[in-house]
C-alpha cells in the first residue's frame, strides 16, 4: 500500500483474545451507549465489571437508559486503553462492543454482583460500604452480552508505522478497509 491507504487502514491491528481479556478486566470505566426514543445515540461513562464474557454495570431503574434498554436492548460499550493505564503493560488502544443488554433485578445476580463490583480497586472496608450503598430497591444490574467486537491495538499500529511489525502479527483486513475505503477513494477521484 502507499499513500492514503497507509494512513487509513486500521482494521489489520486487532487485539488478540488475551489482550481483550486483560483490558476488559483491568479497565476502570467504559462508555455505555444506547438509543433514545427519538433515535439519538447517547452514552455515559460508567464503572463496569468484566465477568463470564459479559460487561456488567448498574443503575437506578428510573434512569432513561433503563427505559431505552427495555424498548430496544441493542447497546454498545467502548473501553479505552487509557482506562487501564494505571497498570504497566496494559494494552494500548480501544475496544468497542456491540451487544444486547439484559436487565437483572433478582437477588441471585445482585448478591454476587454488588460485592464483586464494589471490590474492584477498593480495600475490603470501602468495598463492603460501597456494596451496601449500591443495594437499594431501585437499582438494577445490566448485563451486556457481546455480539460483535471492534478492537484497535495502537502498539501494533505504532510498530507497523516504524516498519517492525511482521505480516503474521496483523489481522485480516475488514470490509471497512477492503471494500468501503477503495469505493470512497474512487468516489473522491483518489483511486
C-alpha atoms as a PDB file:
ATOM      1  CA  UNK A   1       0.000   0.000   0.000  1.00  0.00           C
ATOM      2  CA  UNK A   2       1.005   3.575  -0.430  1.00  0.00           C
ATOM      3  CA  UNK A   3      -0.485   6.985   0.094  1.00  0.00           C
ATOM      4  CA  UNK A   4      -3.897   7.366   1.730  1.00  0.00           C
ATOM      5  CA  UNK A   5      -4.313   3.620   2.337  1.00  0.00           C
ATOM      6  CA  UNK A   6      -1.203   3.535   4.561  1.00  0.00           C
ATOM      7  CA  UNK A   7      -2.731   6.086   6.912  1.00  0.00           C
ATOM      8  CA  UNK A   8      -6.335   4.914   6.851  1.00  0.00           C
ATOM      9  CA  UNK A   9      -6.111   1.116   7.062  1.00  0.00           C
ATOM     10  CA  UNK A  10      -6.523   0.241  10.744  1.00  0.00           C
ATOM     11  CA  UNK A  11      -8.662  -2.910  10.831  1.00  0.00           C
ATOM     12  CA  UNK A  12      -5.488  -5.004  10.470  1.00  0.00           C
ATOM     13  CA  UNK A  13      -4.421  -4.106  14.042  1.00  0.00           C
ATOM     14  CA  UNK A  14      -6.818  -6.083  16.270  1.00  0.00           C
ATOM     15  CA  UNK A  15      -6.222  -7.115  19.853  1.00  0.00           C
ATOM     16  CA  UNK A  16      -5.804 -10.842  20.451  1.00  0.00           C
ATOM     17  CA  UNK A  17      -8.051 -12.687  22.943  1.00  0.00           C
ATOM     18  CA  UNK A  18      -5.587 -12.319  25.838  1.00  0.00           C
ATOM     19  CA  UNK A  19      -5.289  -8.561  25.270  1.00  0.00           C
ATOM     20  CA  UNK A  20      -9.073  -8.217  25.158  1.00  0.00           C
ATOM     21  CA  UNK A  21      -9.439 -10.102  28.422  1.00  0.00           C
ATOM     22  CA  UNK A  22      -6.644  -8.105  30.064  1.00  0.00           C
ATOM     23  CA  UNK A  23      -8.029  -4.713  29.056  1.00  0.00           C
ATOM     24  CA  UNK A  24     -11.618  -5.635  29.916  1.00  0.00           C
ATOM     25  CA  UNK A  25     -10.521  -6.970  33.317  1.00  0.00           C
ATOM     26  CA  UNK A  26      -8.268  -4.046  34.230  1.00  0.00           C
ATOM     27  CA  UNK A  27     -10.064  -1.003  32.818  1.00  0.00           C
ATOM     28  CA  UNK A  28     -11.905   1.029  35.418  1.00  0.00           C
ATOM     29  CA  UNK A  29     -14.606   2.510  33.248  1.00  0.00           C
ATOM     30  CA  UNK A  30     -16.363   2.338  29.912  1.00  0.00           C
ATOM     31  CA  UNK A  31     -18.682   4.429  27.804  1.00  0.00           C
ATOM     32  CA  UNK A  32     -22.106   2.779  27.728  1.00  0.00           C
ATOM     33  CA  UNK A  33     -24.268   3.788  24.737  1.00  0.00           C
ATOM     34  CA  UNK A  34     -27.931   3.306  23.841  1.00  0.00           C
ATOM     35  CA  UNK A  35     -30.535   4.839  21.524  1.00  0.00           C
ATOM     36  CA  UNK A  36     -33.181   7.256  22.766  1.00  0.00           C
ATOM     37  CA  UNK A  37     -36.847   7.008  21.864  1.00  0.00           C
ATOM     38  CA  UNK A  38     -36.393   9.669  19.168  1.00  0.00           C
ATOM     39  CA  UNK A  39     -33.354   7.947  17.662  1.00  0.00           C
ATOM     40  CA  UNK A  40     -30.467   9.872  19.215  1.00  0.00           C
ATOM     41  CA  UNK A  41     -27.400   7.902  20.291  1.00  0.00           C
ATOM     42  CA  UNK A  42     -26.482   8.732  23.893  1.00  0.00           C
ATOM     43  CA  UNK A  43     -23.762   7.493  26.204  1.00  0.00           C
ATOM     44  CA  UNK A  44     -22.445   7.840  29.737  1.00  0.00           C
ATOM     45  CA  UNK A  45     -19.184   6.935  31.411  1.00  0.00           C
ATOM     46  CA  UNK A  46     -19.750   4.049  33.835  1.00  0.00           C
ATOM     47  CA  UNK A  47     -17.689   1.776  36.025  1.00  0.00           C
ATOM     48  CA  UNK A  48     -18.028  -1.831  34.907  1.00  0.00           C
ATOM     49  CA  UNK A  49     -17.169  -5.405  35.703  1.00  0.00           C
ATOM     50  CA  UNK A  50     -15.997  -7.919  33.087  1.00  0.00           C
ATOM     51  CA  UNK A  51     -17.166 -11.404  34.037  1.00  0.00           C
ATOM     52  CA  UNK A  52     -18.119 -14.605  32.205  1.00  0.00           C
ATOM     53  CA  UNK A  53     -17.731 -12.957  28.796  1.00  0.00           C
ATOM     54  CA  UNK A  54     -20.167 -10.127  29.556  1.00  0.00           C
ATOM     55  CA  UNK A  55     -19.903  -6.498  30.636  1.00  0.00           C
ATOM     56  CA  UNK A  56     -21.832  -5.763  33.857  1.00  0.00           C
ATOM     57  CA  UNK A  57     -22.946  -2.285  35.004  1.00  0.00           C
ATOM     58  CA  UNK A  58     -25.573  -0.961  37.376  1.00  0.00           C
ATOM     59  CA  UNK A  59     -28.002   1.961  37.512  1.00  0.00           C
ATOM     60  CA  UNK A  60     -31.245   3.062  39.104  1.00  0.00           C
ATOM     61  CA  UNK A  61     -34.341   1.621  37.414  1.00  0.00           C
ATOM     62  CA  UNK A  62     -35.650   5.180  36.918  1.00  0.00           C
ATOM     63  CA  UNK A  63     -32.738   6.185  34.621  1.00  0.00           C
ATOM     64  CA  UNK A  64     -33.521   6.895  30.967  1.00  0.00           C
ATOM     65  CA  UNK A  65     -31.048   4.214  29.859  1.00  0.00           C
ATOM     66  CA  UNK A  66     -33.164   1.550  31.572  1.00  0.00           C
ATOM     67  CA  UNK A  67     -36.313   2.616  29.712  1.00  0.00           C
ATOM     68  CA  UNK A  68     -34.294   2.675  26.497  1.00  0.00           C
ATOM     69  CA  UNK A  69     -32.942  -0.842  27.085  1.00  0.00           C
ATOM     70  CA  UNK A  70     -36.433  -2.166  27.826  1.00  0.00           C
ATOM     71  CA  UNK A  71     -37.549  -0.652  24.491  1.00  0.00           C
ATOM     72  CA  UNK A  72     -34.507  -1.778  22.483  1.00  0.00           C
ATOM     73  CA  UNK A  73     -31.760  -3.872  24.084  1.00  0.00           C
ATOM     74  CA  UNK A  74     -29.169  -3.089  21.380  1.00  0.00           C
ATOM     75  CA  UNK A  75     -26.344  -1.150  23.018  1.00  0.00           C
ATOM     76  CA  UNK A  76     -22.623  -0.592  22.700  1.00  0.00           C
ATOM     77  CA  UNK A  77     -19.752  -0.343  25.124  1.00  0.00           C
ATOM     78  CA  UNK A  78     -16.452   1.424  24.436  1.00  0.00           C
ATOM     79  CA  UNK A  79     -13.353   0.784  26.541  1.00  0.00           C
ATOM     80  CA  UNK A  80     -10.211   2.859  26.073  1.00  0.00           C
ATOM     81  CA  UNK A  81      -6.782   1.574  26.962  1.00  0.00           C
ATOM     82  CA  UNK A  82      -6.424   4.830  28.910  1.00  0.00           C
ATOM     83  CA  UNK A  83      -8.926   3.385  31.409  1.00  0.00           C
ATOM     84  CA  UNK A  84      -6.288   0.796  32.399  1.00  0.00           C
ATOM     85  CA  UNK A  85      -3.156   2.924  32.068  1.00  0.00           C
ATOM     86  CA  UNK A  86      -2.597   2.675  35.840  1.00  0.00           C
ATOM     87  CA  UNK A  87      -1.312  -0.862  35.204  1.00  0.00           C
ATOM     88  CA  UNK A  88       2.055  -1.065  33.410  1.00  0.00           C
ATOM     89  CA  UNK A  89       1.970  -3.165  30.260  1.00  0.00           C
ATOM     90  CA  UNK A  90      -1.793  -2.908  29.825  1.00  0.00           C
ATOM     91  CA  UNK A  91      -2.920  -2.941  26.174  1.00  0.00           C
ATOM     92  CA  UNK A  92      -2.991   0.438  24.454  1.00  0.00           C
ATOM     93  CA  UNK A  93      -5.841   1.075  22.048  1.00  0.00           C
ATOM     94  CA  UNK A  94      -9.590   0.622  22.243  1.00  0.00           C
ATOM     95  CA  UNK A  95     -12.393  -1.912  22.237  1.00  0.00           C
ATOM     96  CA  UNK A  96     -15.946  -1.357  21.031  1.00  0.00           C
ATOM     97  CA  UNK A  97     -18.581  -3.970  21.745  1.00  0.00           C
ATOM     98  CA  UNK A  98     -21.940  -4.165  20.021  1.00  0.00           C
ATOM     99  CA  UNK A  99     -24.242  -6.217  22.192  1.00  0.00           C
ATOM    100  CA  UNK A 100     -27.607  -6.727  23.785  1.00  0.00           C
ATOM    101  CA  UNK A 101     -28.433  -5.623  27.302  1.00  0.00           C
ATOM    102  CA  UNK A 102     -30.233  -7.839  29.785  1.00  0.00           C
ATOM    103  CA  UNK A 103     -31.711  -6.188  32.891  1.00  0.00           C
ATOM    104  CA  UNK A 104     -31.396  -8.235  36.087  1.00  0.00           C
ATOM    105  CA  UNK A 105     -33.493  -7.347  39.123  1.00  0.00           C
ATOM    106  CA  UNK A 106     -33.287 -10.551  41.179  1.00  0.00           C
ATOM    107  CA  UNK A 107     -31.189 -11.307  44.258  1.00  0.00           C
ATOM    108  CA  UNK A 108     -29.273 -14.117  42.572  1.00  0.00           C
ATOM    109  CA  UNK A 109     -27.351 -11.608  40.410  1.00  0.00           C
ATOM    110  CA  UNK A 110     -27.278  -8.725  42.907  1.00  0.00           C
ATOM    111  CA  UNK A 111     -25.831 -10.942  45.644  1.00  0.00           C
ATOM    112  CA  UNK A 112     -22.654 -11.727  43.690  1.00  0.00           C
ATOM    113  CA  UNK A 113     -22.504  -8.560  41.577  1.00  0.00           C
ATOM    114  CA  UNK A 114     -22.524  -5.832  44.247  1.00  0.00           C
ATOM    115  CA  UNK A 115     -19.610  -7.206  46.312  1.00  0.00           C
ATOM    116  CA  UNK A 116     -17.510  -8.094  43.272  1.00  0.00           C
ATOM    117  CA  UNK A 117     -18.219  -4.794  41.505  1.00  0.00           C
ATOM    118  CA  UNK A 118     -17.535  -2.784  44.666  1.00  0.00           C
ATOM    119  CA  UNK A 119     -14.244  -4.548  45.367  1.00  0.00           C
ATOM    120  CA  UNK A 120     -12.717  -3.521  42.039  1.00  0.00           C
ATOM    121  CA  UNK A 121      -9.951  -1.147  43.081  1.00  0.00           C
ATOM    122  CA  UNK A 122     -11.053  -0.719  46.716  1.00  0.00           C
ATOM    123  CA  UNK A 123      -9.898  -2.080  50.047  1.00  0.00           C
ATOM    124  CA  UNK A 124     -12.217  -4.511  51.858  1.00  0.00           C
ATOM    125  CA  UNK A 125     -13.874  -1.971  54.196  1.00  0.00           C
ATOM    126  CA  UNK A 126     -14.546   0.555  51.439  1.00  0.00           C
ATOM    127  CA  UNK A 127     -15.838  -2.197  49.138  1.00  0.00           C
ATOM    128  CA  UNK A 128     -18.215  -3.507  51.801  1.00  0.00           C
ATOM    129  CA  UNK A 129     -19.613   0.002  52.434  1.00  0.00           C
ATOM    130  CA  UNK A 130     -19.969   0.657  48.700  1.00  0.00           C
ATOM    131  CA  UNK A 131     -21.742  -2.679  48.103  1.00  0.00           C
ATOM    132  CA  UNK A 132     -24.206  -1.860  50.896  1.00  0.00           C
ATOM    133  CA  UNK A 133     -24.889   1.551  49.371  1.00  0.00           C
ATOM    134  CA  UNK A 134     -25.464   0.023  45.934  1.00  0.00           C
ATOM    135  CA  UNK A 135     -28.030  -2.440  47.274  1.00  0.00           C
ATOM    136  CA  UNK A 136     -31.113  -0.243  47.019  1.00  0.00           C
ATOM    137  CA  UNK A 137     -34.663  -1.180  45.939  1.00  0.00           C
ATOM    138  CA  UNK A 138     -34.461   0.875  42.722  1.00  0.00           C
ATOM    139  CA  UNK A 139     -31.124  -0.449  41.497  1.00  0.00           C
ATOM    140  CA  UNK A 140     -30.869  -2.935  38.624  1.00  0.00           C
ATOM    141  CA  UNK A 141     -27.875  -4.761  37.177  1.00  0.00           C
ATOM    142  CA  UNK A 142     -27.328  -4.646  33.433  1.00  0.00           C
ATOM    143  CA  UNK A 143     -25.501  -7.419  31.598  1.00  0.00           C
ATOM    144  CA  UNK A 144     -24.219  -6.577  28.119  1.00  0.00           C
ATOM    145  CA  UNK A 145     -23.766  -9.734  26.067  1.00  0.00           C
ATOM    146  CA  UNK A 146     -21.278  -9.063  23.230  1.00  0.00           C
ATOM    147  CA  UNK A 147     -22.335  -9.829  19.663  1.00  0.00           C
ATOM    148  CA  UNK A 148     -19.565  -8.019  17.772  1.00  0.00           C
ATOM    149  CA  UNK A 149     -16.090  -6.822  18.771  1.00  0.00           C
ATOM    150  CA  UNK A 150     -14.204  -3.952  17.148  1.00  0.00           C
ATOM    151  CA  UNK A 151     -10.681  -3.639  18.517  1.00  0.00           C
ATOM    152  CA  UNK A 152      -7.663  -1.488  17.772  1.00  0.00           C
ATOM    153  CA  UNK A 153      -4.174  -2.299  19.045  1.00  0.00           C
ATOM    154  CA  UNK A 154      -2.290   1.004  18.990  1.00  0.00           C
ATOM    155  CA  UNK A 155       1.017  -0.752  19.754  1.00  0.00           C
ATOM    156  CA  UNK A 156       0.705  -2.844  16.568  1.00  0.00           C
ATOM    157  CA  UNK A 157      -0.129   0.293  14.600  1.00  0.00           C
ATOM    158  CA  UNK A 158       2.951   2.029  16.002  1.00  0.00           C
ATOM    159  CA  UNK A 159       5.187  -0.947  15.291  1.00  0.00           C
ATOM    160  CA  UNK A 160       3.893  -1.140  11.713  1.00  0.00           C
ATOM    161  CA  UNK A 161       4.448   2.595  11.238  1.00  0.00           C
ATOM    162  CA  UNK A 162       8.075   2.047  12.263  1.00  0.00           C
ATOM    163  CA  UNK A 163       8.333  -0.950   9.915  1.00  0.00           C
ATOM    164  CA  UNK A 164       8.867  -3.543  12.649  1.00  0.00           C
ATOM    165  CA  UNK A 165       5.521  -5.415  12.608  1.00  0.00           C
ATOM    166  CA  UNK A 166       5.547  -8.657  10.653  1.00  0.00           C
ATOM    167  CA  UNK A 167       2.604  -9.607   8.461  1.00  0.00           C
ATOM    168  CA  UNK A 168       1.779 -12.594  10.695  1.00  0.00           C
ATOM    169  CA  UNK A 169       1.140 -10.158  13.584  1.00  0.00           C
ATOM    170  CA  UNK A 170      -1.566  -8.372  11.587  1.00  0.00           C
ATOM    171  CA  UNK A 171      -5.206  -9.352  11.453  1.00  0.00           C
ATOM    172  CA  UNK A 172      -7.358  -9.726   8.366  1.00  0.00           C
ATOM    173  CA  UNK A 173      -8.442  -6.541   6.633  1.00  0.00           C
ATOM    174  CA  UNK A 174     -12.097  -5.942   7.419  1.00  0.00           C
ATOM    175  CA  UNK A 175     -14.704  -4.636   4.966  1.00  0.00           C
ATOM    176  CA  UNK A 176     -14.305  -1.006   6.071  1.00  0.00           C
ATOM    177  CA  UNK A 177     -10.767  -1.124   4.665  1.00  0.00           C
ATOM    178  CA  UNK A 178     -11.046  -3.797   1.949  1.00  0.00           C
ATOM    179  CA  UNK A 179     -14.318  -2.640   0.354  1.00  0.00           C
ATOM    180  CA  UNK A 180     -15.503   0.714   1.675  1.00  0.00           C
ATOM    181  CA  UNK A 181     -12.158   2.538   1.559  1.00  0.00           C
ATOM    182  CA  UNK A 182     -11.447   1.725  -2.142  1.00  0.00           C
ATOM    183  CA  UNK A 183     -15.001   2.800  -3.016  1.00  0.00           C
ATOM    184  CA  UNK A 184     -14.542   6.091  -1.103  1.00  0.00           C
ATOM    185  CA  UNK A 185     -11.148   6.695  -2.750  1.00  0.00           C
ATOM    186  CA  UNK A 186     -12.760   6.139  -6.144  1.00  0.00           C
ATOM    187  CA  UNK A 187     -15.688   8.427  -5.278  1.00  0.00           C
ATOM    188  CA  UNK A 188     -13.200  11.168  -4.389  1.00  0.00           C
ATOM    189  CA  UNK A 189     -11.124  10.621  -7.514  1.00  0.00           C
ATOM    190  CA  UNK A 190      -8.145   9.337  -5.492  1.00  0.00           C
ATOM    191  CA  UNK A 191      -8.078   5.742  -6.792  1.00  0.00           C
END
